[in-house]
Amino acid sequence: MIPPALVTTGFDITGYKITRNIGIVRGIVVRSRSVVGQFMAGVQTIFGGNITVYTNMCERAREDAYELMCAHAERHGANAVISIRYDTTEIMRGVTEVLCYGTAVFVEKDAA
């Protein structure tokens, strides 16, 4: 797995130089809300505040998309990913796509 320190929303990584630009990589996850999850979220909305059922589902979807993106980068010979972003789209009611994408690169420790 690519170390978290070598995955960034920035365009470079301090202390490293990019020696090869491999290209765009992505991880895509499509999730739906379960009937039980919707019920529990409905109960939580009565009391207000953070709706943990949805927070946990969203966090897990983003984590899975991130891991898939890193695996895609590794399969193409990258050891780092720069300029990562997330995007979401509701495909249909209750079904959401989470996309994590970035630029796969190969970096080497800066000699300076």
Protein backbone atom coordinates (compact mmCIF):
# COMPACT_ATOMS: atom_id res chain seq x y z
CA MET A 1 0.00 0.00 0.00
CA ILE A 2 1.19 3.49 -0.80
CA PRO A 3 2.07 5.25 2.49
CA PRO A 4 -0.39 8.02 3.47
CA ALA A 5 2.53 10.50 3.53
CA LEU A 6 2.93 9.95 -0.22
CA VAL A 7 -0.71 10.72 -1.05
CA THR A 8 -1.63 14.38 -1.17
CA THR A 9 -4.06 16.96 -2.49
CA GLY A 10 -1.00 19.07 -3.36
CA PHE A 11 0.98 19.04 -6.58
CA ASP A 12 4.24 17.89 -5.02
CA ILE A 13 5.54 16.13 -1.92
CA THR A 14 8.07 17.93 0.26
CA GLY A 15 11.38 16.08 0.36
CA TYR A 16 10.66 14.10 -2.82
CA LYS A 17 11.06 14.73 -6.52
CA ILE A 18 8.72 13.34 -9.13
CA THR A 19 10.73 11.23 -11.56
CA ARG A 20 7.84 9.82 -13.57
CA ASN A 21 4.25 10.91 -14.18
CA ILE A 22 2.18 7.76 -14.65
CA GLY A 23 -1.25 9.31 -15.15
CA ILE A 24 -4.73 9.51 -13.71
CA VAL A 25 -5.89 6.81 -11.30
CA ARG A 26 -9.24 6.35 -9.62
CA GLY A 27 -11.24 4.35 -7.15
CA ILE A 28 -15.01 4.13 -7.49
CA VAL A 29 -17.50 2.86 -4.90
CA VAL A 30 -21.29 2.78 -5.28
CA ARG A 31 -23.28 2.55 -2.05
CA SER A 32 -26.94 2.35 -1.18
CA ARG A 33 -28.68 3.00 2.10
CA SER A 34 -30.26 -0.05 3.69
CA VAL A 35 -33.78 -0.04 5.08
CA VAL A 36 -32.37 -0.53 8.59
CA GLY A 37 -29.90 2.33 8.04
CA GLN A 38 -32.67 4.62 6.84
CA PHE A 39 -34.78 3.74 9.88
CA MET A 40 -31.91 4.41 12.30
CA ALA A 41 -31.10 7.70 10.56
CA GLY A 42 -34.78 8.66 10.81
CA VAL A 43 -34.70 8.04 14.55
CA GLN A 44 -31.52 10.13 14.89
CA THR A 45 -33.08 13.06 13.00
CA ILE A 46 -35.76 13.29 15.69
CA PHE A 47 -33.09 14.21 18.24
CA GLY A 48 -31.01 16.35 15.86
CA GLY A 49 -27.24 16.58 15.62
CA ASN A 50 -24.85 14.36 13.72
CA ILE A 51 -26.56 11.46 11.95
CA THR A 52 -23.89 8.87 12.68
CA VAL A 53 -25.44 6.15 10.50
CA TYR A 54 -24.89 8.30 7.40
CA THR A 55 -21.59 9.74 8.63
CA ASN A 56 -20.16 6.24 9.07
CA MET A 57 -21.50 5.09 5.69
CA CYS A 58 -19.99 8.13 3.92
CA GLU A 59 -16.67 7.77 5.70
CA ARG A 60 -16.44 4.08 4.79
CA ALA A 61 -17.31 4.80 1.14
CA ARG A 62 -14.59 7.47 0.94
CA GLU A 63 -12.06 5.17 2.61
CA ASP A 64 -12.88 2.32 0.21
CA ALA A 65 -12.62 4.64 -2.83
CA TYR A 66 -9.27 5.94 -1.53
CA GLU A 67 -7.90 2.42 -1.08
CA LEU A 68 -9.06 1.41 -4.57
CA MET A 69 -7.36 4.50 -6.04
CA CYS A 70 -4.08 3.65 -4.26
CA ALA A 71 -4.28 0.04 -5.47
CA HIS A 72 -4.91 1.28 -9.04
CA ALA A 73 -1.81 3.50 -8.75
CA GLU A 74 0.33 0.62 -7.47
CA ARG A 75 -0.80 -1.65 -10.32
CA HIS A 76 0.56 0.96 -12.73
CA GLY A 77 3.93 1.22 -10.96
CA ALA A 78 3.36 4.35 -8.85
CA ASN A 79 4.66 4.84 -5.34
CA ALA A 80 2.77 8.13 -4.72
CA VAL A 81 -0.40 9.97 -5.77
CA ILE A 82 -0.67 13.74 -6.03
CA SER A 83 -3.56 16.11 -6.56
CA ILE A 84 -6.20 13.75 -5.17
CA ARG A 85 -9.84 14.77 -5.10
CA TYR A 86 -13.20 13.27 -4.18
CA ASP A 87 -16.42 13.57 -6.13
CA THR A 88 -19.87 12.16 -5.43
CA THR A 89 -22.91 11.67 -7.59
CA GLU A 90 -26.37 10.43 -6.67
CA ILE A 91 -27.05 7.80 -9.34
CA MET A 92 -30.61 7.24 -8.21
CA ARG A 93 -32.54 7.86 -5.01
CA GLY A 94 -30.58 6.27 -2.18
CA VAL A 95 -27.66 5.16 -4.41
CA THR A 96 -24.50 7.26 -4.43
CA GLU A 97 -21.21 6.95 -6.28
CA VAL A 98 -18.03 8.07 -4.53
CA LEU A 99 -15.02 8.68 -6.77
CA CYS A 100 -11.50 9.29 -5.50
CA TYR A 101 -9.00 10.28 -8.18
CA GLY A 102 -5.55 11.75 -8.59
CA THR A 103 -2.32 11.64 -10.56
CA ALA A 104 -0.14 8.58 -10.04
CA VAL A 105 3.57 9.37 -9.92
CA PHE A 106 6.86 7.73 -9.07
CA VAL A 107 8.90 9.75 -6.55
CA GLU A 108 12.41 9.52 -5.19
CA LYS A 109 13.79 11.02 -1.99
CA ASP A 110 15.27 14.44 -2.73
CA ALA A 111 19.05 14.39 -2.33
CA ALA A 112 19.22 18.02 -1.20
